[in-house]
Amino acid sequence: MFNRAHVDDIAAAIMAAIDRRHDGIVNVADDEPAPSGDPIAFAARLLELEAPPEVPFETAARDMSPMALSFWSAHRRVSNARLKAELGVTLAFPTYREGLAALHAAGEGRSDEA
């Protein structure tokens, strides 16, 4: 499970922290932690492609570097409650779905060869 953050929401969080002279730590993350494969499957649907097959972690782990293994074996589910309450940030992209849909609407990921 991982949280994600859209670059526009990261920028909004930084600006809010500067404007409020916030002196503390907040998690800049979306509202919905999800398994790593979910955004890939969603992006494939947007592009009307078949999602790549899922690979069991145990299989993928055999070829991972120690750093990659450390990253992918941990869960990074965090709360953004302080981001919203203390900085007053309203996420423009509260989940990966809104961020990927915006990229798709802007023409990202399309190929002229299709």
PDB file of N, CA and C in Angstrom:
ATOM      1  N   MET A   1       0.848  -1.181   0.000  1.00  0.00           N
ATOM      2  CA  MET A   1       0.000   0.000   0.000  1.00  0.00           C
ATOM      3  C   MET A   1       0.892   1.244   0.000  1.00  0.00           C
ATOM      4  N   PHE A   2       0.522   2.176  -0.834  1.00  0.00           N
ATOM      5  CA  PHE A   2       1.281   3.419  -0.953  1.00  0.00           C
ATOM      6  C   PHE A   2       0.324   4.585  -1.109  1.00  0.00           C
ATOM      7  N   ASN A   3       0.702   5.713  -0.560  1.00  0.00           N
ATOM      8  CA  ASN A   3       0.039   6.976  -0.875  1.00  0.00           C
ATOM      9  C   ASN A   3       0.822   7.625  -1.996  1.00  0.00           C
ATOM     10  N   ARG A   4       0.162   8.497  -2.689  1.00  0.00           N
ATOM     11  CA  ARG A   4       0.801   9.244  -3.761  1.00  0.00           C
ATOM     12  C   ARG A   4       0.464  10.713  -3.580  1.00  0.00           C
ATOM     13  N   ALA A   5       1.089  11.570  -4.362  1.00  0.00           N
ATOM     14  CA  ALA A   5       0.750  12.997  -4.326  1.00  0.00           C
ATOM     15  C   ALA A   5       1.010  13.580  -5.708  1.00  0.00           C
ATOM     16  N   HIS A   6       0.060  14.343  -6.186  1.00  0.00           N
ATOM     17  CA  HIS A   6       0.207  15.032  -7.472  1.00  0.00           C
ATOM     18  C   HIS A   6       1.109  16.246  -7.262  1.00  0.00           C
ATOM     19  N   VAL A   7       1.909  16.571  -8.244  1.00  0.00           N
ATOM     20  CA  VAL A   7       2.847  17.689  -8.128  1.00  0.00           C
ATOM     21  C   VAL A   7       2.121  19.002  -7.826  1.00  0.00           C
ATOM     22  N   ASP A   8       0.930  19.198  -8.369  1.00  0.00           N
ATOM     23  CA  ASP A   8       0.178  20.427  -8.071  1.00  0.00           C
ATOM     24  C   ASP A   8      -0.234  20.481  -6.606  1.00  0.00           C
ATOM     25  N   ASP A   9      -0.590  19.338  -6.034  1.00  0.00           N
ATOM     26  CA  ASP A   9      -0.944  19.296  -4.616  1.00  0.00           C
ATOM     27  C   ASP A   9       0.287  19.485  -3.736  1.00  0.00           C
ATOM     28  N   ILE A  10       1.422  18.990  -4.168  1.00  0.00           N
ATOM     29  CA  ILE A  10       2.668  19.223  -3.429  1.00  0.00           C
ATOM     30  C   ILE A  10       2.989  20.716  -3.420  1.00  0.00           C
ATOM     31  N   ALA A  11       2.866  21.352  -4.582  1.00  0.00           N
ATOM     32  CA  ALA A  11       3.129  22.793  -4.666  1.00  0.00           C
ATOM     33  C   ALA A  11       2.156  23.574  -3.793  1.00  0.00           C
ATOM     34  N   ALA A  12       0.887  23.181  -3.787  1.00  0.00           N
ATOM     35  CA  ALA A  12      -0.113  23.868  -2.954  1.00  0.00           C
ATOM     36  C   ALA A  12       0.231  23.716  -1.472  1.00  0.00           C
ATOM     37  N   ALA A  13       0.708  22.548  -1.081  1.00  0.00           N
ATOM     38  CA  ALA A  13       1.089  22.318   0.314  1.00  0.00           C
ATOM     39  C   ALA A  13       2.285  23.182   0.707  1.00  0.00           C
ATOM     40  N   ILE A  14       3.245  23.286  -0.182  1.00  0.00           N
ATOM     41  CA  ILE A  14       4.422  24.121   0.107  1.00  0.00           C
ATOM     42  C   ILE A  14       4.004  25.579   0.254  1.00  0.00           C
ATOM     43  N   MET A  15       3.172  26.046  -0.666  1.00  0.00           N
ATOM     44  CA  MET A  15       2.719  27.441  -0.596  1.00  0.00           C
ATOM     45  C   MET A  15       1.911  27.697   0.675  1.00  0.00           C
ATOM     46  N   ALA A  16       1.063  26.745   1.056  1.00  0.00           N
ATOM     47  CA  ALA A  16       0.276  26.898   2.282  1.00  0.00           C
ATOM     48  C   ALA A  16       1.188  26.944   3.508  1.00  0.00           C
ATOM     49  N   ALA A  17       2.226  26.110   3.518  1.00  0.00           N
ATOM     50  CA  ALA A  17       3.162  26.111   4.646  1.00  0.00           C
ATOM     51  C   ALA A  17       3.902  27.440   4.727  1.00  0.00           C
ATOM     52  N   ILE A  18       4.289  27.977   3.582  1.00  0.00           N
ATOM     53  CA  ILE A  18       4.976  29.274   3.560  1.00  0.00           C
ATOM     54  C   ILE A  18       4.032  30.381   4.013  1.00  0.00           C
ATOM     55  N   ASP A  19       2.839  30.407   3.430  1.00  0.00           N
ATOM     56  CA  ASP A  19       1.863  31.453   3.755  1.00  0.00           C
ATOM     57  C   ASP A  19       1.493  31.450   5.231  1.00  0.00           C
ATOM     58  N   ARG A  20       1.383  30.278   5.822  1.00  0.00           N
ATOM     59  CA  ARG A  20       0.980  30.168   7.230  1.00  0.00           C
ATOM     60  C   ARG A  20       2.183  30.122   8.176  1.00  0.00           C
ATOM     61  N   ARG A  21       3.379  30.184   7.588  1.00  0.00           N
ATOM     62  CA  ARG A  21       4.602  30.087   8.392  1.00  0.00           C
ATOM     63  C   ARG A  21       4.556  28.859   9.304  1.00  0.00           C
ATOM     64  N   HIS A  22       4.132  27.777   8.713  1.00  0.00           N
ATOM     65  CA  HIS A  22       3.967  26.529   9.456  1.00  0.00           C
ATOM     66  C   HIS A  22       5.319  26.000   9.895  1.00  0.00           C
ATOM     67  N   ASP A  23       5.412  25.623  11.141  1.00  0.00           N
ATOM     68  CA  ASP A  23       6.645  25.089  11.705  1.00  0.00           C
ATOM     69  C   ASP A  23       6.364  23.694  12.227  1.00  0.00           C
ATOM     70  N   GLY A  24       6.337  22.756  11.325  1.00  0.00           N
ATOM     71  CA  GLY A  24       6.047  21.388  11.733  1.00  0.00           C
ATOM     72  C   GLY A  24       6.105  20.468  10.534  1.00  0.00           C
ATOM     73  N   ILE A  25       5.740  19.261  10.777  1.00  0.00           N
ATOM     74  CA  ILE A  25       5.790  18.241   9.743  1.00  0.00           C
ATOM     75  C   ILE A  25       4.366  17.844   9.383  1.00  0.00           C
ATOM     76  N   VAL A  26       4.094  17.771   8.095  1.00  0.00           N
ATOM     77  CA  VAL A  26       2.820  17.250   7.602  1.00  0.00           C
ATOM     78  C   VAL A  26       3.119  16.275   6.471  1.00  0.00           C
ATOM     79  N   ASN A  27       2.269  15.304   6.324  1.00  0.00           N
ATOM     80  CA  ASN A  27       2.386  14.382   5.196  1.00  0.00           C
ATOM     81  C   ASN A  27       1.659  14.975   4.003  1.00  0.00           C
ATOM     82  N   VAL A  28       2.364  15.135   2.912  1.00  0.00           N
ATOM     83  CA  VAL A  28       1.742  15.576   1.670  1.00  0.00           C
ATOM     84  C   VAL A  28       1.457  14.305   0.884  1.00  0.00           C
ATOM     85  N   ALA A  29       0.212  13.884   0.957  1.00  0.00           N
ATOM     86  CA  ALA A  29      -0.188  12.613   0.357  1.00  0.00           C
ATOM     87  C   ALA A  29      -1.658  12.677  -0.020  1.00  0.00           C
ATOM     88  N   ASP A  30      -2.051  11.778  -0.892  1.00  0.00           N
ATOM     89  CA  ASP A  30      -3.445  11.737  -1.310  1.00  0.00           C
ATOM     90  C   ASP A  30      -4.319  11.119  -0.225  1.00  0.00           C
ATOM     91  N   ASP A  31      -5.606  11.010  -0.544  1.00  0.00           N
ATOM     92  CA  ASP A  31      -6.579  10.503   0.421  1.00  0.00           C
ATOM     93  C   ASP A  31      -6.724   8.989   0.423  1.00  0.00           C
ATOM     94  N   GLU A  32      -6.128   8.313  -0.544  1.00  0.00           N
ATOM     95  CA  GLU A  32      -6.413   6.898  -0.704  1.00  0.00           C
ATOM     96  C   GLU A  32      -5.165   6.072  -0.982  1.00  0.00           C
ATOM     97  N   PRO A  33      -4.563   5.503   0.065  1.00  0.00           N
ATOM     98  CA  PRO A  33      -3.465   4.583  -0.192  1.00  0.00           C
ATOM     99  C   PRO A  33      -3.993   3.389  -0.982  1.00  0.00           C
ATOM    100  N   ALA A  34      -3.188   2.930  -1.912  1.00  0.00           N
ATOM    101  CA  ALA A  34      -3.625   1.827  -2.771  1.00  0.00           C
ATOM    102  C   ALA A  34      -2.428   0.960  -3.135  1.00  0.00           C
ATOM    103  N   PRO A  35      -2.687  -0.295  -3.457  1.00  0.00           N
ATOM    104  CA  PRO A  35      -1.609  -1.161  -3.910  1.00  0.00           C
ATOM    105  C   PRO A  35      -0.961  -0.595  -5.175  1.00  0.00           C
ATOM    106  N   SER A  36       0.304  -0.908  -5.375  1.00  0.00           N
ATOM    107  CA  SER A  36       1.054  -0.332  -6.494  1.00  0.00           C
ATOM    108  C   SER A  36       0.452  -0.661  -7.850  1.00  0.00           C
ATOM    109  N   GLY A  37      -0.209  -1.769  -7.988  1.00  0.00           N
ATOM    110  CA  GLY A  37      -0.784  -2.148  -9.273  1.00  0.00           C
ATOM    111  C   GLY A  37      -2.062  -1.422  -9.641  1.00  0.00           C
ATOM    112  N   ASP A  38      -2.762  -0.871  -8.663  1.00  0.00           N
ATOM    113  CA  ASP A  38      -4.045  -0.218  -8.951  1.00  0.00           C
ATOM    114  C   ASP A  38      -3.907   0.972  -9.900  1.00  0.00           C
ATOM    115  N   PRO A  39      -2.957   1.892  -9.683  1.00  0.00           N
ATOM    116  CA  PRO A  39      -2.819   3.001 -10.641  1.00  0.00           C
ATOM    117  C   PRO A  39      -2.427   2.529 -12.041  1.00  0.00           C
ATOM    118  N   ILE A  40      -1.649   1.464 -12.127  1.00  0.00           N
ATOM    119  CA  ILE A  40      -1.256   0.938 -13.435  1.00  0.00           C
ATOM    120  C   ILE A  40      -2.477   0.394 -14.164  1.00  0.00           C
ATOM    121  N   ALA A  41      -3.306  -0.351 -13.460  1.00  0.00           N
ATOM    122  CA  ALA A  41      -4.519  -0.900 -14.067  1.00  0.00           C
ATOM    123  C   ALA A  41      -5.473   0.220 -14.478  1.00  0.00           C
ATOM    124  N   PHE A  42      -5.595   1.255 -13.653  1.00  0.00           N
ATOM    125  CA  PHE A  42      -6.469   2.380 -13.975  1.00  0.00           C
ATOM    126  C   PHE A  42      -5.958   3.119 -15.211  1.00  0.00           C
ATOM    127  N   ALA A  43      -4.655   3.354 -15.270  1.00  0.00           N
ATOM    128  CA  ALA A  43      -4.068   4.034 -16.428  1.00  0.00           C
ATOM    129  C   ALA A  43      -4.288   3.210 -17.704  1.00  0.00           C
ATOM    130  N   ALA A  44      -4.148   1.914 -17.606  1.00  0.00           N
ATOM    131  CA  ALA A  44      -4.377   1.056 -18.775  1.00  0.00           C
ATOM    132  C   ALA A  44      -5.820   1.185 -19.249  1.00  0.00           C
ATOM    133  N   ARG A  45      -6.760   1.214 -18.315  1.00  0.00           N
ATOM    134  CA  ARG A  45      -8.170   1.375 -18.714  1.00  0.00           C
ATOM    135  C   ARG A  45      -8.387   2.719 -19.401  1.00  0.00           C
ATOM    136  N   LEU A  46      -7.780   3.782 -18.883  1.00  0.00           N
ATOM    137  CA  LEU A  46      -7.919   5.101 -19.514  1.00  0.00           C
ATOM    138  C   LEU A  46      -7.414   5.075 -20.953  1.00  0.00           C
ATOM    139  N   LEU A  47      -6.330   4.351 -21.166  1.00  0.00           N
ATOM    140  CA  LEU A  47      -5.723   4.277 -22.494  1.00  0.00           C
ATOM    141  C   LEU A  47      -6.326   3.168 -23.349  1.00  0.00           C
ATOM    142  N   GLU A  48      -7.336   2.509 -22.793  1.00  0.00           N
ATOM    143  CA  GLU A  48      -7.995   1.400 -23.476  1.00  0.00           C
ATOM    144  C   GLU A  48      -6.997   0.317 -23.869  1.00  0.00           C
ATOM    145  N   LEU A  49      -6.120   0.018 -22.922  1.00  0.00           N
ATOM    146  CA  LEU A  49      -5.120  -1.033 -23.082  1.00  0.00           C
ATOM    147  C   LEU A  49      -5.351  -2.104 -22.029  1.00  0.00           C
ATOM    148  N   GLU A  50      -4.805  -3.259 -22.300  1.00  0.00           N
ATOM    149  CA  GLU A  50      -4.848  -4.309 -21.293  1.00  0.00           C
ATOM    150  C   GLU A  50      -3.746  -4.036 -20.273  1.00  0.00           C
ATOM    151  N   ALA A  51      -4.088  -4.153 -19.030  1.00  0.00           N
ATOM    152  CA  ALA A  51      -3.093  -3.947 -17.975  1.00  0.00           C
ATOM    153  C   ALA A  51      -2.049  -5.057 -18.049  1.00  0.00           C
ATOM    154  N   PRO A  52      -0.805  -4.728 -17.738  1.00  0.00           N
ATOM    155  CA  PRO A  52       0.214  -5.792 -17.714  1.00  0.00           C
ATOM    156  C   PRO A  52      -0.135  -6.804 -16.623  1.00  0.00           C
ATOM    157  N   PRO A  53       0.280  -8.036 -16.797  1.00  0.00           N
ATOM    158  CA  PRO A  53      -0.033  -9.043 -15.778  1.00  0.00           C
ATOM    159  C   PRO A  53       0.663  -8.710 -14.455  1.00  0.00           C
ATOM    160  N   GLU A  54      -0.039  -8.987 -13.379  1.00  0.00           N
ATOM    161  CA  GLU A  54       0.574  -8.793 -12.064  1.00  0.00           C
ATOM    162  C   GLU A  54       1.598  -9.894 -11.826  1.00  0.00           C
ATOM    163  N   VAL A  55       2.678  -9.507 -11.191  1.00  0.00           N
ATOM    164  CA  VAL A  55       3.745 -10.451 -10.866  1.00  0.00           C
ATOM    165  C   VAL A  55       3.764 -10.598  -9.347  1.00  0.00           C
ATOM    166  N   PRO A  56       3.686 -11.816  -8.831  1.00  0.00           N
ATOM    167  CA  PRO A  56       3.753 -11.987  -7.380  1.00  0.00           C
ATOM    168  C   PRO A  56       5.031 -11.355  -6.817  1.00  0.00           C
ATOM    169  N   PHE A  57       4.912 -10.728  -5.666  1.00  0.00           N
ATOM    170  CA  PHE A  57       6.058 -10.051  -5.064  1.00  0.00           C
ATOM    171  C   PHE A  57       7.237 -10.993  -4.900  1.00  0.00           C
ATOM    172  N   GLU A  58       6.968 -12.213  -4.478  1.00  0.00           N
ATOM    173  CA  GLU A  58       8.055 -13.174  -4.248  1.00  0.00           C
ATOM    174  C   GLU A  58       8.850 -13.426  -5.533  1.00  0.00           C
ATOM    175  N   THR A  59       8.155 -13.412  -6.662  1.00  0.00           N
ATOM    176  CA  THR A  59       8.824 -13.617  -7.952  1.00  0.00           C
ATOM    177  C   THR A  59       9.637 -12.378  -8.327  1.00  0.00           C
ATOM    178  N   ALA A  60       9.037 -11.225  -8.217  1.00  0.00           N
ATOM    179  CA  ALA A  60       9.730  -9.984  -8.571  1.00  0.00           C
ATOM    180  C   ALA A  60      10.915  -9.730  -7.650  1.00  0.00           C
ATOM    181  N   ALA A  61      10.766 -10.092  -6.388  1.00  0.00           N
ATOM    182  CA  ALA A  61      11.816  -9.816  -5.393  1.00  0.00           C
ATOM    183  C   ALA A  61      13.133 -10.506  -5.734  1.00  0.00           C
ATOM    184  N   ARG A  62      13.071 -11.600  -6.449  1.00  0.00           N
ATOM    185  CA  ARG A  62      14.301 -12.330  -6.800  1.00  0.00           C
ATOM    186  C   ARG A  62      15.268 -11.486  -7.618  1.00  0.00           C
ATOM    187  N   ASP A  63      14.745 -10.552  -8.409  1.00  0.00           N
ATOM    188  CA  ASP A  63      15.593  -9.743  -9.289  1.00  0.00           C
ATOM    189  C   ASP A  63      15.777  -8.306  -8.803  1.00  0.00           C
ATOM    190  N   MET A  64      15.326  -8.001  -7.601  1.00  0.00           N
ATOM    191  CA  MET A  64      15.415  -6.632  -7.092  1.00  0.00           C
ATOM    192  C   MET A  64      16.747  -6.375  -6.399  1.00  0.00           C
ATOM    193  N   SER A  65      17.191  -5.141  -6.519  1.00  0.00           N
ATOM    194  CA  SER A  65      18.358  -4.714  -5.745  1.00  0.00           C
ATOM    195  C   SER A  65      17.939  -4.630  -4.281  1.00  0.00           C
ATOM    196  N   PRO A  66      18.892  -4.610  -3.361  1.00  0.00           N
ATOM    197  CA  PRO A  66      18.529  -4.461  -1.951  1.00  0.00           C
ATOM    198  C   PRO A  66      17.713  -3.192  -1.686  1.00  0.00           C
ATOM    199  N   MET A  67      18.054  -2.095  -2.372  1.00  0.00           N
ATOM    200  CA  MET A  67      17.314  -0.858  -2.171  1.00  0.00           C
ATOM    201  C   MET A  67      15.876  -0.997  -2.676  1.00  0.00           C
ATOM    202  N   ALA A  68      15.687  -1.568  -3.864  1.00  0.00           N
ATOM    203  CA  ALA A  68      14.343  -1.774  -4.398  1.00  0.00           C
ATOM    204  C   ALA A  68      13.552  -2.723  -3.505  1.00  0.00           C
ATOM    205  N   LEU A  69      14.179  -3.763  -3.038  1.00  0.00           N
ATOM    206  CA  LEU A  69      13.515  -4.715  -2.152  1.00  0.00           C
ATOM    207  C   LEU A  69      13.050  -4.030  -0.874  1.00  0.00           C
ATOM    208  N   SER A  70      13.891  -3.174  -0.315  1.00  0.00           N
ATOM    209  CA  SER A  70      13.516  -2.436   0.887  1.00  0.00           C
ATOM    210  C   SER A  70      12.315  -1.530   0.613  1.00  0.00           C
ATOM    211  N   PHE A  71      12.349  -0.827  -0.512  1.00  0.00           N
ATOM    212  CA  PHE A  71      11.261   0.087  -0.850  1.00  0.00           C
ATOM    213  C   PHE A  71       9.951  -0.665  -1.054  1.00  0.00           C
ATOM    214  N   TRP A  72       9.956  -1.678  -1.908  1.00  0.00           N
ATOM    215  CA  TRP A  72       8.721  -2.356  -2.298  1.00  0.00           C
ATOM    216  C   TRP A  72       8.183  -3.287  -1.229  1.00  0.00           C
ATOM    217  N   SER A  73       8.993  -3.681  -0.262  1.00  0.00           N
ATOM    218  CA  SER A  73       8.490  -4.573   0.775  1.00  0.00           C
ATOM    219  C   SER A  73       7.827  -3.814   1.922  1.00  0.00           C
ATOM    220  N   ALA A  74       7.999  -2.507   1.963  1.00  0.00           N
ATOM    221  CA  ALA A  74       7.390  -1.702   3.023  1.00  0.00           C
ATOM    222  C   ALA A  74       6.051  -1.131   2.550  1.00  0.00           C
ATOM    223  N   HIS A  75       5.178  -0.896   3.491  1.00  0.00           N
ATOM    224  CA  HIS A  75       3.922  -0.222   3.196  1.00  0.00           C
ATOM    225  C   HIS A  75       4.076   1.234   3.603  1.00  0.00           C
ATOM    226  N   ARG A  76       3.578   2.128   2.754  1.00  0.00           N
ATOM    227  CA  ARG A  76       3.706   3.545   3.034  1.00  0.00           C
ATOM    228  C   ARG A  76       2.330   4.193   3.008  1.00  0.00           C
ATOM    229  N   ARG A  77       1.544   3.859   3.991  1.00  0.00           N
ATOM    230  CA  ARG A  77       0.202   4.401   4.133  1.00  0.00           C
ATOM    231  C   ARG A  77       0.285   5.488   5.204  1.00  0.00           C
ATOM    232  N   VAL A  78      -0.014   6.719   4.805  1.00  0.00           N
ATOM    233  CA  VAL A  78       0.086   7.827   5.745  1.00  0.00           C
ATOM    234  C   VAL A  78      -1.209   8.631   5.759  1.00  0.00           C
ATOM    235  N   SER A  79      -1.367   9.410   6.796  1.00  0.00           N
ATOM    236  CA  SER A  79      -2.536  10.278   6.936  1.00  0.00           C
ATOM    237  C   SER A  79      -2.177  11.693   6.498  1.00  0.00           C
ATOM    238  N   ASN A  80      -3.084  12.318   5.782  1.00  0.00           N
ATOM    239  CA  ASN A  80      -2.890  13.715   5.394  1.00  0.00           C
ATOM    240  C   ASN A  80      -3.790  14.656   6.204  1.00  0.00           C
ATOM    241  N   ALA A  81      -4.275  14.199   7.353  1.00  0.00           N
ATOM    242  CA  ALA A  81      -5.197  14.990   8.168  1.00  0.00           C
ATOM    243  C   ALA A  81      -4.590  16.334   8.589  1.00  0.00           C
ATOM    244  N   ARG A  82      -3.321  16.343   8.960  1.00  0.00           N
ATOM    245  CA  ARG A  82      -2.686  17.597   9.370  1.00  0.00           C
ATOM    246  C   ARG A  82      -2.534  18.555   8.185  1.00  0.00           C
ATOM    247  N   LEU A  83      -2.274  18.017   7.017  1.00  0.00           N
ATOM    248  CA  LEU A  83      -2.173  18.830   5.802  1.00  0.00           C
ATOM    249  C   LEU A  83      -3.457  19.623   5.603  1.00  0.00           C
ATOM    250  N   LYS A  84      -4.567  18.959   5.797  1.00  0.00           N
ATOM    251  CA  LYS A  84      -5.870  19.597   5.601  1.00  0.00           C
ATOM    252  C   LYS A  84      -6.236  20.502   6.774  1.00  0.00           C
ATOM    253  N   ALA A  85      -6.050  20.015   7.991  1.00  0.00           N
ATOM    254  CA  ALA A  85      -6.482  20.763   9.174  1.00  0.00           C
ATOM    255  C   ALA A  85      -5.570  21.954   9.483  1.00  0.00           C
ATOM    256  N   GLU A  86      -4.267  21.753   9.453  1.00  0.00           N
ATOM    257  CA  GLU A  86      -3.339  22.812   9.860  1.00  0.00           C
ATOM    258  C   GLU A  86      -2.972  23.752   8.727  1.00  0.00           C
ATOM    259  N   LEU A  87      -2.943  23.246   7.513  1.00  0.00           N
ATOM    260  CA  LEU A  87      -2.569  24.098   6.383  1.00  0.00           C
ATOM    261  C   LEU A  87      -3.769  24.489   5.528  1.00  0.00           C
ATOM    262  N   GLY A  88      -4.915  23.877   5.774  1.00  0.00           N
ATOM    263  CA  GLY A  88      -6.112  24.222   5.026  1.00  0.00           C
ATOM    264  C   GLY A  88      -6.073  23.822   3.563  1.00  0.00           C
ATOM    265  N   VAL A  89      -5.269  22.828   3.232  1.00  0.00           N
ATOM    266  CA  VAL A  89      -5.127  22.407   1.844  1.00  0.00           C
ATOM    267  C   VAL A  89      -6.300  21.514   1.439  1.00  0.00           C
ATOM    268  N   THR A  90      -6.895  21.838   0.309  1.00  0.00           N
ATOM    269  CA  THR A  90      -7.877  20.971  -0.335  1.00  0.00           C
ATOM    270  C   THR A  90      -7.190  20.386  -1.558  1.00  0.00           C
ATOM    271  N   LEU A  91      -7.087  19.096  -1.591  1.00  0.00           N
ATOM    272  CA  LEU A  91      -6.373  18.445  -2.682  1.00  0.00           C
ATOM    273  C   LEU A  91      -7.131  18.590  -4.000  1.00  0.00           C
ATOM    274  N   ALA A  92      -6.431  19.024  -5.022  1.00  0.00           N
ATOM    275  CA  ALA A  92      -7.011  19.086  -6.366  1.00  0.00           C
ATOM    276  C   ALA A  92      -7.133  17.675  -6.942  1.00  0.00           C
ATOM    277  N   PHE A  93      -6.263  16.787  -6.495  1.00  0.00           N
ATOM    278  CA  PHE A  93      -6.214  15.410  -6.988  1.00  0.00           C
ATOM    279  C   PHE A  93      -6.202  14.478  -5.775  1.00  0.00           C
ATOM    280  N   PRO A  94      -7.378  14.233  -5.169  1.00  0.00           N
ATOM    281  CA  PRO A  94      -7.420  13.480  -3.914  1.00  0.00           C
ATOM    282  C   PRO A  94      -7.059  12.008  -4.017  1.00  0.00           C
ATOM    283  N   THR A  95      -7.086  11.452  -5.238  1.00  0.00           N
ATOM    284  CA  THR A  95      -6.634  10.070  -5.423  1.00  0.00           C
ATOM    285  C   THR A  95      -5.855  10.000  -6.730  1.00  0.00           C
ATOM    286  N   TYR A  96      -5.212   8.884  -6.954  1.00  0.00           N
ATOM    287  CA  TYR A  96      -4.477   8.701  -8.211  1.00  0.00           C
ATOM    288  C   TYR A  96      -5.416   8.779  -9.413  1.00  0.00           C
ATOM    289  N   ARG A  97      -6.683   8.453  -9.212  1.00  0.00           N
ATOM    290  CA  ARG A  97      -7.633   8.465 -10.331  1.00  0.00           C
ATOM    291  C   ARG A  97      -7.780   9.860 -10.938  1.00  0.00           C
ATOM    292  N   GLU A  98      -7.940  10.868 -10.099  1.00  0.00           N
ATOM    293  CA  GLU A  98      -8.091  12.234 -10.609  1.00  0.00           C
ATOM    294  C   GLU A  98      -6.821  12.711 -11.304  1.00  0.00           C
ATOM    295  N   GLY A  99      -5.676  12.375 -10.742  1.00  0.00           N
ATOM    296  CA  GLY A  99      -4.417  12.781 -11.357  1.00  0.00           C
ATOM    297  C   GLY A  99      -4.200  12.123 -12.705  1.00  0.00           C
ATOM    298  N   LEU A 100      -4.433  10.830 -12.781  1.00  0.00           N
ATOM    299  CA  LEU A 100      -4.249  10.132 -14.053  1.00  0.00           C
ATOM    300  C   LEU A 100      -5.298  10.548 -15.074  1.00  0.00           C
ATOM    301  N   ALA A 101      -6.530  10.784 -14.628  1.00  0.00           N
ATOM    302  CA  ALA A 101      -7.577  11.237 -15.556  1.00  0.00           C
ATOM    303  C   ALA A 101      -7.231  12.607 -16.128  1.00  0.00           C
ATOM    304  N   ALA A 102      -6.657  13.493 -15.298  1.00  0.00           N
ATOM    305  CA  ALA A 102      -6.254  14.815 -15.786  1.00  0.00           C
ATOM    306  C   ALA A 102      -5.133  14.697 -16.813  1.00  0.00           C
ATOM    307  N   LEU A 103      -4.170  13.831 -16.563  1.00  0.00           N
ATOM    308  CA  LEU A 103      -3.103  13.611 -17.538  1.00  0.00           C
ATOM    309  C   LEU A 103      -3.666  13.079 -18.851  1.00  0.00           C
ATOM    310  N   HIS A 104      -4.570  12.147 -18.740  1.00  0.00           N
ATOM    311  CA  HIS A 104      -5.187  11.561 -19.932  1.00  0.00           C
ATOM    312  C   HIS A 104      -5.965  12.619 -20.709  1.00  0.00           C
ATOM    313  N   ALA A 105      -6.731  13.435 -20.010  1.00  0.00           N
ATOM    314  CA  ALA A 105      -7.515  14.487 -20.662  1.00  0.00           C
ATOM    315  C   ALA A 105      -6.609  15.493 -21.363  1.00  0.00           C
ATOM    316  N   ALA A 106      -5.412  15.688 -20.834  1.00  0.00           N
ATOM    317  CA  ALA A 106      -4.448  16.622 -21.428  1.00  0.00           C
ATOM    318  C   ALA A 106      -3.683  15.995 -22.591  1.00  0.00           C
ATOM    319  N   GLY A 107      -3.966  14.730 -22.875  1.00  0.00           N
ATOM    320  CA  GLY A 107      -3.301  14.068 -23.999  1.00  0.00           C
ATOM    321  C   GLY A 107      -2.052  13.323 -23.631  1.00  0.00           C
ATOM    322  N   GLU A 108      -1.710  13.262 -22.353  1.00  0.00           N
ATOM    323  CA  GLU A 108      -0.520  12.522 -21.937  1.00  0.00           C
ATOM    324  C   GLU A 108      -0.740  11.031 -22.148  1.00  0.00           C
ATOM    325  N   GLY A 109       0.290  10.353 -22.606  1.00  0.00           N
ATOM    326  CA  GLY A 109       0.232   8.906 -22.764  1.00  0.00           C
ATOM    327  C   GLY A 109      -0.295   8.460 -24.117  1.00  0.00           C
ATOM    328  N   ARG A 110      -0.726   9.402 -24.929  1.00  0.00           N
ATOM    329  CA  ARG A 110      -1.229   9.037 -26.262  1.00  0.00           C
ATOM    330  C   ARG A 110      -0.054   8.937 -27.223  1.00  0.00           C
ATOM    331  N   SER A 111      -0.220   8.096 -28.185  1.00  0.00           N
ATOM    332  CA  SER A 111       0.823   7.901 -29.184  1.00  0.00           C
ATOM    333  C   SER A 111       0.276   8.275 -30.550  1.00  0.00           C
ATOM    334  N   ASP A 112       1.055   8.986 -31.340  1.00  0.00           N
ATOM    335  CA  ASP A 112       0.640   9.325 -32.703  1.00  0.00           C
ATOM    336  C   ASP A 112       0.626   8.086 -33.598  1.00  0.00           C
ATOM    337  N   GLU A 113       1.269   7.030 -33.129  1.00  0.00           N
ATOM    338  CA  GLU A 113       1.361   5.808 -33.927  1.00  0.00           C
ATOM    339  C   GLU A 113       0.132   4.932 -33.750  1.00  0.00           C
ATOM    340  N   ALA A 114      -0.722   5.233 -32.784  1.00  0.00           N
ATOM    341  CA  ALA A 114      -1.880   4.381 -32.498  1.00  0.00           C
ATOM    342  C   ALA A 114      -2.949   4.513 -33.550  1.00  0.00           C
TER     343      ALA A 114
END
